Amino acid sequence: MAGAFGAHGLRTVASARELGVFQTAANYQMYHALALVLVALLHGRGLSTRLLGLAGRFFLAGIVLFSGSLYLLVLTGAHWLGPVTPLGGLCFMVGWALLAAAGLRRRGAGETNDQEDS
């Protein structure tokens, strides 16, 4: 929906550069929404639930900080949000590293599938 809004709803009010920024935000939101689905699908497959939970949290934080800051930048012109965007990118990278670590590390001896992460 965000991509469609950017392509159609903003076409007459945003510059080509702003449309590109909005599209980047929508693309990264979609990629990392799929990463969250992957995290959910991997849960209960013998991987570390703690690492998977952390990965999911970092993906969510990345979506909010990266995509959210870019959406707000385009929609409001608030350029002070620019420094927030790289923090979201860092969250994405940490999320992917945690997902990879979960894939390499089997669940610990005391960890179970239904353990709640906090």
C-alpha atoms as a PDB file:
ATOM      1  CA  MET A   1       0.000   0.000   0.000  1.00  0.00           C
ATOM      2  CA  ALA A   2       2.808   2.410   0.812  1.00  0.00           C
ATOM      3  CA  GLY A   3       4.391   1.814  -2.588  1.00  0.00           C
ATOM      4  CA  ALA A   4       1.105   2.399  -4.384  1.00  0.00           C
ATOM      5  CA  PHE A   5       0.484   5.569  -2.375  1.00  0.00           C
ATOM      6  CA  GLY A   6       3.946   6.824  -3.268  1.00  0.00           C
ATOM      7  CA  ALA A   7       3.557   5.990  -6.942  1.00  0.00           C
ATOM      8  CA  HIS A   8       0.066   7.419  -7.360  1.00  0.00           C
ATOM      9  CA  GLY A   9      -0.856   9.653  -4.444  1.00  0.00           C
ATOM     10  CA  LEU A  10       2.381  11.602  -4.270  1.00  0.00           C
ATOM     11  CA  ARG A  11       3.075  11.916  -7.990  1.00  0.00           C
ATOM     12  CA  THR A  12       1.657  15.443  -8.222  1.00  0.00           C
ATOM     13  CA  VAL A  13       3.042  16.816  -4.933  1.00  0.00           C
ATOM     14  CA  ALA A  14       6.494  15.254  -4.564  1.00  0.00           C
ATOM     15  CA  SER A  15       9.651  15.666  -6.617  1.00  0.00           C
ATOM     16  CA  ALA A  16      11.194  12.745  -8.493  1.00  0.00           C
ATOM     17  CA  ARG A  17      13.879  12.514  -5.788  1.00  0.00           C
ATOM     18  CA  GLU A  18      11.253  12.409  -3.032  1.00  0.00           C
ATOM     19  CA  LEU A  19       9.319   9.720  -4.894  1.00  0.00           C
ATOM     20  CA  GLY A  20      12.525   7.681  -5.093  1.00  0.00           C
ATOM     21  CA  VAL A  21      13.113   8.102  -1.355  1.00  0.00           C
ATOM     22  CA  PHE A  22       9.521   7.055  -0.638  1.00  0.00           C
ATOM     23  CA  GLN A  23       9.898   4.006  -2.892  1.00  0.00           C
ATOM     24  CA  THR A  24      13.125   3.025  -1.106  1.00  0.00           C
ATOM     25  CA  ALA A  25      11.284   3.183   2.219  1.00  0.00           C
ATOM     26  CA  ALA A  26       8.452   1.032   0.867  1.00  0.00           C
ATOM     27  CA  ASN A  27      10.891  -1.520  -0.594  1.00  0.00           C
ATOM     28  CA  TYR A  28      12.851  -1.890   2.626  1.00  0.00           C
ATOM     29  CA  GLN A  29       9.640  -2.155   4.619  1.00  0.00           C
ATOM     30  CA  MET A  30       8.493  -5.016   2.381  1.00  0.00           C
ATOM     31  CA  TYR A  31      11.841  -6.841   2.475  1.00  0.00           C
ATOM     32  CA  HIS A  32      11.944  -6.717   6.234  1.00  0.00           C
ATOM     33  CA  ALA A  33       8.274  -7.611   6.646  1.00  0.00           C
ATOM     34  CA  LEU A  34       9.210 -10.779   4.751  1.00  0.00           C
ATOM     35  CA  ALA A  35      12.199 -11.195   7.090  1.00  0.00           C
ATOM     36  CA  LEU A  36       9.756 -11.064  10.029  1.00  0.00           C
ATOM     37  CA  VAL A  37       7.702 -13.812   8.368  1.00  0.00           C
ATOM     38  CA  LEU A  38      10.893 -15.842   7.990  1.00  0.00           C
ATOM     39  CA  VAL A  39      11.664 -15.365  11.686  1.00  0.00           C
ATOM     40  CA  ALA A  40       8.174 -16.604  12.553  1.00  0.00           C
ATOM     41  CA  LEU A  41       8.500 -19.615  10.240  1.00  0.00           C
ATOM     42  CA  LEU A  42      11.870 -20.559  11.744  1.00  0.00           C
ATOM     43  CA  HIS A  43      10.530 -20.430  15.281  1.00  0.00           C
ATOM     44  CA  GLY A  44      10.180 -23.949  16.599  1.00  0.00           C
ATOM     45  CA  ARG A  45      12.601 -25.423  14.060  1.00  0.00           C
ATOM     46  CA  GLY A  46      15.376 -26.125  16.533  1.00  0.00           C
ATOM     47  CA  LEU A  47      17.004 -22.693  16.307  1.00  0.00           C
ATOM     48  CA  SER A  48      17.687 -20.362  19.207  1.00  0.00           C
ATOM     49  CA  THR A  49      14.372 -18.720  20.067  1.00  0.00           C
ATOM     50  CA  ARG A  50      16.254 -15.997  21.925  1.00  0.00           C
ATOM     51  CA  LEU A  51      18.273 -15.040  18.833  1.00  0.00           C
ATOM     52  CA  LEU A  52      15.220 -15.282  16.575  1.00  0.00           C
ATOM     53  CA  GLY A  53      13.254 -13.044  18.932  1.00  0.00           C
ATOM     54  CA  LEU A  54      16.050 -10.486  18.986  1.00  0.00           C
ATOM     55  CA  ALA A  55      16.336 -10.591  15.201  1.00  0.00           C
ATOM     56  CA  GLY A  56      12.614  -9.930  14.875  1.00  0.00           C
ATOM     57  CA  ARG A  57      12.810  -7.007  17.280  1.00  0.00           C
ATOM     58  CA  PHE A  58      15.711  -5.472  15.347  1.00  0.00           C
ATOM     59  CA  PHE A  59      13.863  -5.934  12.032  1.00  0.00           C
ATOM     60  CA  LEU A  60      10.820  -4.174  13.505  1.00  0.00           C
ATOM     61  CA  ALA A  61      12.946  -1.355  14.915  1.00  0.00           C
ATOM     62  CA  GLY A  62      14.643  -1.019  11.534  1.00  0.00           C
ATOM     63  CA  ILE A  63      11.314  -0.732   9.745  1.00  0.00           C
ATOM     64  CA  VAL A  64      10.149   1.994  12.123  1.00  0.00           C
ATOM     65  CA  LEU A  65      13.425   3.932  12.133  1.00  0.00           C
ATOM     66  CA  PHE A  66      14.524   3.486   8.500  1.00  0.00           C
ATOM     67  CA  SER A  67      11.281   3.368   6.547  1.00  0.00           C
ATOM     68  CA  GLY A  68       9.365   5.503   9.029  1.00  0.00           C
ATOM     69  CA  SER A  69      11.935   8.296   8.975  1.00  0.00           C
ATOM     70  CA  LEU A  70      12.016   8.291   5.172  1.00  0.00           C
ATOM     71  CA  TYR A  71       8.206   8.361   4.942  1.00  0.00           C
ATOM     72  CA  LEU A  72       8.053  11.282   7.363  1.00  0.00           C
ATOM     73  CA  LEU A  73      10.894  13.068   5.597  1.00  0.00           C
ATOM     74  CA  VAL A  74       9.015  12.966   2.292  1.00  0.00           C
ATOM     75  CA  LEU A  75       5.570  13.681   3.758  1.00  0.00           C
ATOM     76  CA  THR A  76       6.550  16.471   6.155  1.00  0.00           C
ATOM     77  CA  GLY A  77       9.869  17.779   4.861  1.00  0.00           C
ATOM     78  CA  ALA A  78      11.343  17.380   8.354  1.00  0.00           C
ATOM     79  CA  HIS A  79      15.004  17.086   7.383  1.00  0.00           C
ATOM     80  CA  TRP A  80      16.073  16.644  11.008  1.00  0.00           C
ATOM     81  CA  LEU A  81      14.887  13.025  10.568  1.00  0.00           C
ATOM     82  CA  GLY A  82      17.787  12.325   8.196  1.00  0.00           C
ATOM     83  CA  PRO A  83      20.174  11.152  10.966  1.00  0.00           C
ATOM     84  CA  VAL A  84      17.557   8.644  12.212  1.00  0.00           C
ATOM     85  CA  THR A  85      17.585   6.694   8.940  1.00  0.00           C
ATOM     86  CA  PRO A  86      21.078   5.164   9.343  1.00  0.00           C
ATOM     87  CA  LEU A  87      20.091   3.907  12.804  1.00  0.00           C
ATOM     88  CA  GLY A  88      17.316   1.961  11.126  1.00  0.00           C
ATOM     89  CA  GLY A  89      19.789   0.581   8.610  1.00  0.00           C
ATOM     90  CA  LEU A  90      22.018  -0.504  11.483  1.00  0.00           C
ATOM     91  CA  CYS A  91      19.039  -2.275  13.081  1.00  0.00           C
ATOM     92  CA  PHE A  92      18.458  -4.137   9.812  1.00  0.00           C
ATOM     93  CA  MET A  93      22.084  -5.274   9.725  1.00  0.00           C
ATOM     94  CA  VAL A  94      21.981  -6.413  13.355  1.00  0.00           C
ATOM     95  CA  GLY A  95      18.735  -8.277  12.660  1.00  0.00           C
ATOM     96  CA  TRP A  96      20.293 -10.134   9.722  1.00  0.00           C
ATOM     97  CA  ALA A  97      23.393 -10.964  11.772  1.00  0.00           C
ATOM     98  CA  LEU A  98      21.210 -12.329  14.586  1.00  0.00           C
ATOM     99  CA  LEU A  99      19.156 -14.358  12.111  1.00  0.00           C
ATOM    100  CA  ALA A 100      22.364 -15.826  10.679  1.00  0.00           C
ATOM    101  CA  ALA A 101      23.643 -16.569  14.186  1.00  0.00           C
ATOM    102  CA  ALA A 102      20.365 -18.310  15.013  1.00  0.00           C
ATOM    103  CA  GLY A 103      20.757 -20.404  11.875  1.00  0.00           C
ATOM    104  CA  LEU A 104      24.243 -21.434  12.898  1.00  0.00           C
ATOM    105  CA  ARG A 105      23.470 -22.027  16.532  1.00  0.00           C
ATOM    106  CA  ARG A 106      21.096 -24.719  17.699  1.00  0.00           C
ATOM    107  CA  ARG A 107      18.863 -24.123  20.666  1.00  0.00           C
ATOM    108  CA  GLY A 108      20.741 -24.220  23.971  1.00  0.00           C
ATOM    109  CA  ALA A 109      20.232 -26.972  26.532  1.00  0.00           C
ATOM    110  CA  GLY A 110      17.851 -24.957  28.701  1.00  0.00           C
ATOM    111  CA  GLU A 111      15.944 -23.303  25.869  1.00  0.00           C
ATOM    112  CA  THR A 112      12.588 -24.647  24.677  1.00  0.00           C
ATOM    113  CA  ASN A 113      10.279 -23.838  21.785  1.00  0.00           C
ATOM    114  CA  ASP A 114       7.666 -22.231  23.973  1.00  0.00           C
ATOM    115  CA  GLN A 115      10.071 -20.104  25.997  1.00  0.00           C
ATOM    116  CA  GLU A 116       9.020 -16.463  26.170  1.00  0.00           C
ATOM    117  CA  ASP A 117      11.696 -13.940  25.246  1.00  0.00           C
ATOM    118  CA  SER A 118      11.740 -10.702  27.132  1.00  0.00           C
END
